[in-house]
C-alpha cells in the first residue's frame, strides 16, 4: 500500500513537471512568434503557422545536440514554405530568430528574451491555435506546410524611389550686346586761309603806306 502511494505521488509529480514544461515551452513559443509577427509583418495565417513551427522546435530540444540539429533544420524548412522570400531573408538576418537557443549549464536559453526585455509585452493577440495546437506537425511529411498553402502578404518590393529628374530652368537668352553707335568724329575744321591773306594784305598795305610817306617826304625836300 505504501509503495502504491509513492508510485502515485511520483506519477502526479511527473505529470505536473511535464505540464509545467509544456506551459513554459508554449509561453516561449508565443513570445518568439509574437516578435517574429511584429518584425516580419506576418499575416494571421502565417502567425498561426509560425507559432506551430516554433512550438514543435522548442518541444523537441532535450539536449545540446538538438539545438542546431535535425529539428532546427526542419524548422527552417517549414518556415521557408510559410514565409515569403523577403520575410525569410530578414528572419535569417536576425540571429535571435534564426538561432533562437543556446545551451548553457545544462539548460537552454532563449535569446529573444535578451533582445526584448519586457517579457509581458505582446504586439499581437494570441494566435488562434494557441490553445488547440499541442505539437507534432514537424513529425509529419516534410511538405506539410507547402501543401497547406498559408496566406502570405503581397510581395515586398524594396524599390527605392527614383530621384526626381533635375529641373531644367530654361535659361533666359543672354541679351544681345548693346552696340553703342560711336559718334562720328567731328570733321576737321578746314583752316581758313582768310586770316593769312588778311595778314598778307595788311603787310602790303603797311608797306605801301610807308612808301607813300617816304615819297611825300622826298617831294617836300625837293620843293624846299
Protein backbone atom coordinates (compact mmCIF):
# COMPACT_ATOMS: atom_id res chain seq x y z
CA UNK A 1 0.00 0.00 0.00
CA UNK A 2 2.78 2.36 0.91
CA UNK A 3 4.60 1.57 -2.33
CA UNK A 4 1.42 2.27 -4.27
CA UNK A 5 1.11 5.68 -2.64
CA UNK A 6 4.69 6.51 -3.52
CA UNK A 7 4.17 5.47 -7.14
CA UNK A 8 1.02 7.56 -7.42
CA UNK A 9 2.80 10.58 -5.97
CA UNK A 10 5.68 10.15 -8.41
CA UNK A 11 3.26 9.94 -11.33
CA UNK A 12 1.50 13.07 -10.19
CA UNK A 13 4.81 14.89 -9.84
CA UNK A 14 5.87 13.72 -13.30
CA UNK A 15 2.60 14.86 -14.84
CA UNK A 16 2.89 18.19 -13.04
CA UNK A 17 6.51 18.59 -14.18
CA UNK A 18 5.52 17.80 -17.78
CA UNK A 19 2.61 20.21 -17.57
CA UNK A 20 4.88 22.96 -16.26
CA UNK A 21 7.41 22.19 -19.01
CA UNK A 22 4.76 22.37 -21.71
CA UNK A 23 3.43 25.65 -20.28
CA UNK A 24 6.91 27.14 -20.26
CA UNK A 25 7.63 25.99 -23.82
CA UNK A 26 4.26 27.26 -25.04
CA UNK A 27 4.96 30.68 -23.49
CA UNK A 28 8.40 30.74 -25.10
CA UNK A 29 6.91 29.85 -28.49
CA UNK A 30 4.28 32.56 -28.07
CA UNK A 31 6.80 35.25 -27.15
CA UNK A 32 9.13 34.31 -30.02
CA UNK A 33 6.32 34.08 -32.56
CA UNK A 34 4.82 37.42 -31.48
CA UNK A 35 8.12 39.19 -32.12
CA UNK A 36 8.50 37.47 -35.47
CA UNK A 37 4.99 38.57 -36.39
CA UNK A 38 5.90 42.13 -35.43
CA UNK A 39 9.22 42.35 -37.28
CA UNK A 40 8.30 40.24 -40.32
CA UNK A 41 4.79 41.67 -40.74
CA UNK A 42 3.13 38.25 -40.68
CA UNK A 43 -0.44 37.66 -41.79
CA UNK A 44 -2.76 35.96 -39.31
CA UNK A 45 -2.39 32.65 -41.16
CA UNK A 46 1.40 32.97 -41.11
CA UNK A 47 1.29 33.83 -37.41
CA UNK A 48 -0.60 30.61 -36.65
CA UNK A 49 1.83 28.52 -38.70
CA UNK A 50 4.93 30.20 -37.24
CA UNK A 51 3.66 29.57 -33.72
CA UNK A 52 3.14 25.88 -34.52
CA UNK A 53 6.62 25.57 -36.05
CA UNK A 54 8.30 27.32 -33.12
CA UNK A 55 6.39 25.22 -30.59
CA UNK A 56 7.38 21.99 -32.37
CA UNK A 57 11.03 23.03 -32.40
CA UNK A 58 11.17 24.10 -28.75
CA UNK A 59 9.37 20.94 -27.61
CA UNK A 60 11.93 18.79 -29.46
CA UNK A 61 15.00 20.18 -27.66
CA UNK A 62 16.17 17.82 -24.94
CA UNK A 63 19.95 18.15 -25.12
CA UNK A 64 22.73 20.28 -26.59
CA UNK A 65 22.89 18.37 -29.88
CA UNK A 66 19.20 19.05 -30.52
CA UNK A 67 19.64 22.82 -30.54
CA UNK A 68 21.04 23.05 -34.09
CA UNK A 69 20.47 19.54 -35.32
CA UNK A 70 17.67 17.78 -37.17
CA UNK A 71 14.82 19.75 -35.55
CA UNK A 72 16.47 23.08 -36.31
CA UNK A 73 16.81 22.07 -39.98
CA UNK A 74 13.16 21.03 -40.05
CA UNK A 75 12.13 24.36 -38.52
CA UNK A 76 13.96 26.29 -41.24
CA UNK A 77 12.46 24.12 -43.98
CA UNK A 78 8.94 24.65 -42.66
CA UNK A 79 9.47 28.40 -42.35
CA UNK A 80 10.64 28.59 -45.97
CA UNK A 81 7.23 27.28 -47.02
CA UNK A 82 5.37 29.68 -44.75
CA UNK A 83 7.31 32.93 -45.29
CA UNK A 84 7.85 34.99 -48.41
CA UNK A 85 11.39 35.37 -49.74
CA UNK A 86 11.94 38.80 -48.17
CA UNK A 87 10.48 37.64 -44.83
CA UNK A 88 12.72 34.59 -44.76
CA UNK A 89 15.80 36.66 -45.61
CA UNK A 90 15.01 39.03 -42.77
CA UNK A 91 14.39 36.08 -40.44
CA UNK A 92 17.84 34.63 -41.27
CA UNK A 93 19.47 38.05 -40.76
CA UNK A 94 18.22 38.27 -37.14
CA UNK A 95 20.20 35.82 -35.03
CA UNK A 96 17.62 35.86 -32.20
CA UNK A 97 15.11 34.45 -34.72
CA UNK A 98 17.37 32.22 -36.80
CA UNK A 99 19.38 30.76 -33.90
CA UNK A 100 16.95 31.28 -31.03
CA UNK A 101 18.56 28.97 -28.47
CA UNK A 102 21.86 28.31 -26.76
CA UNK A 103 22.68 25.51 -24.35
CA UNK A 104 24.30 26.76 -21.15
CA UNK A 105 25.00 24.94 -17.87
CA UNK A 106 22.77 22.03 -18.76
CA UNK A 107 19.76 24.07 -19.82
CA UNK A 108 18.69 26.13 -22.80
CA UNK A 109 18.44 29.90 -23.05
CA UNK A 110 16.04 31.70 -25.38
CA UNK A 111 17.86 34.67 -26.92
CA UNK A 112 14.75 36.66 -27.75
CA UNK A 113 14.33 37.45 -24.04
CA UNK A 114 17.63 39.34 -24.10
CA UNK A 115 16.61 41.45 -27.10
CA UNK A 116 13.06 42.20 -25.90
CA UNK A 117 13.49 42.76 -22.20
CA UNK A 118 9.83 43.47 -21.40
CA UNK A 119 8.63 39.87 -21.18
CA UNK A 120 4.99 40.79 -20.61
CA UNK A 121 4.56 42.96 -23.70
CA UNK A 122 2.96 41.46 -26.83
CA UNK A 123 2.30 43.17 -30.13
CA UNK A 124 -0.48 40.85 -31.27
CA UNK A 125 -3.27 38.79 -29.74
CA UNK A 126 -2.62 35.08 -29.23
CA UNK A 127 -2.68 33.01 -32.42
CA UNK A 128 -5.95 31.19 -32.98
CA UNK A 129 -4.21 27.81 -32.48
CA UNK A 130 -2.62 28.81 -29.17
CA UNK A 131 -4.94 26.61 -27.10
CA UNK A 132 -5.75 23.86 -29.57
CA UNK A 133 -2.34 23.03 -31.02
CA UNK A 134 -0.28 20.62 -28.91
CA UNK A 135 2.58 19.94 -31.33
CA UNK A 136 3.60 17.22 -33.76
CA UNK A 137 3.50 18.77 -37.24
CA UNK A 138 7.30 18.52 -37.53
CA UNK A 139 6.96 14.74 -37.40
CA UNK A 140 4.65 14.68 -40.40
CA UNK A 141 5.62 14.82 -44.07
CA UNK A 142 8.32 17.36 -44.88
CA UNK A 143 5.94 19.16 -47.24
CA UNK A 144 3.21 19.60 -44.66
CA UNK A 145 3.34 23.42 -44.76
CA UNK A 146 4.00 23.52 -48.50
CA UNK A 147 0.74 21.71 -49.09
CA UNK A 148 -1.11 23.82 -46.53
CA UNK A 149 -0.94 26.95 -48.72
CA UNK A 150 -0.59 29.55 -45.97
CA UNK A 151 -1.84 33.00 -46.99
CA UNK A 152 1.07 35.41 -47.41
CA UNK A 153 1.33 39.17 -47.77
CA UNK A 154 1.82 40.82 -51.13
CA UNK A 155 5.37 40.68 -52.46
CA UNK A 156 7.58 43.17 -50.75
CA UNK A 157 9.49 45.34 -53.14
CA UNK A 158 12.32 47.29 -51.63
CA UNK A 159 12.47 49.64 -54.54
CA UNK A 160 13.88 52.99 -53.73
CA UNK A 161 12.03 55.87 -55.25
CA UNK A 162 13.88 57.24 -58.21
CA UNK A 163 15.47 60.55 -57.62
CA UNK A 164 13.41 63.34 -59.16
CA UNK A 165 14.67 64.47 -62.51
CA UNK A 166 16.65 67.66 -62.23
CA UNK A 167 14.62 70.69 -63.08
CA UNK A 168 15.83 72.31 -66.22
CA UNK A 169 15.45 76.01 -65.75
CA UNK A 170 15.10 77.50 -69.19
CA UNK A 171 17.91 79.92 -69.21
CA UNK A 172 16.92 83.29 -70.47
CA UNK A 173 18.78 84.15 -73.64
CA UNK A 174 21.61 86.47 -72.96
CA UNK A 175 20.70 89.96 -74.01
CA UNK A 176 22.24 90.96 -77.29
CA UNK A 177 25.26 93.12 -76.70
CA UNK A 178 24.38 96.71 -76.94
CA UNK A 179 26.15 98.29 -79.86
CA UNK A 180 26.87 101.81 -78.82
CA UNK A 181 26.90 103.71 -82.06
CA UNK A 182 30.09 105.61 -81.84
CA UNK A 183 29.55 109.21 -82.67
CA UNK A 184 31.39 110.10 -85.83
CA UNK A 185 34.44 112.09 -85.09
CA UNK A 186 33.79 115.70 -85.99
CA UNK A 187 35.15 116.57 -89.37
CA UNK A 188 38.29 118.58 -89.07
CA UNK A 189 37.53 122.25 -89.47
CA UNK A 190 39.35 123.44 -92.53
CA UNK A 191 41.69 126.19 -91.65
CA UNK A 192 40.51 129.33 -93.28
CA UNK A 193 43.14 130.94 -95.44
CA UNK A 194 41.46 134.31 -94.98
CA UNK A 195 43.47 135.38 -91.92
CA UNK A 196 46.68 134.59 -93.72
CA UNK A 197 45.55 136.60 -96.68
CA UNK A 198 44.42 139.31 -94.33
CA UNK A 199 47.85 139.40 -92.74
CA UNK A 200 49.48 139.49 -96.15
CA UNK A 201 47.19 142.27 -97.25
CA UNK A 202 47.82 144.22 -94.06
CA UNK A 203 51.56 143.88 -94.53
CA UNK A 204 51.26 145.01 -98.14
CA UNK A 205 49.08 147.89 -97.09
CA UNK A 206 51.60 148.92 -94.43
CA UNK A 207 54.45 148.74 -96.89
CA UNK A 208 52.51 150.82 -99.38
CA UNK A 209 51.70 153.35 -96.67
CA UNK A 210 55.35 153.65 -95.70
CA UNK A 211 56.36 154.00 -99.30
CA UNK A 212 53.82 156.72 -99.81
CA UNK A 213 55.03 158.59 -96.77
CA UNK A 214 58.61 158.31 -97.92
CA UNK A 215 57.58 159.63 -101.33
CA UNK A 216 55.87 162.58 -99.79
CA UNK A 217 58.90 163.34 -97.69
CA UNK A 218 61.13 163.27 -100.74
CA UNK A 219 58.87 165.61 -102.63
CA UNK A 220 58.80 168.01 -99.76
CA UNK A 221 62.54 168.21 -99.50
CA UNK A 222 62.88 168.78 -103.18
CA UNK A 223 60.45 171.70 -103.04
CA UNK A 224 62.48 173.41 -100.42
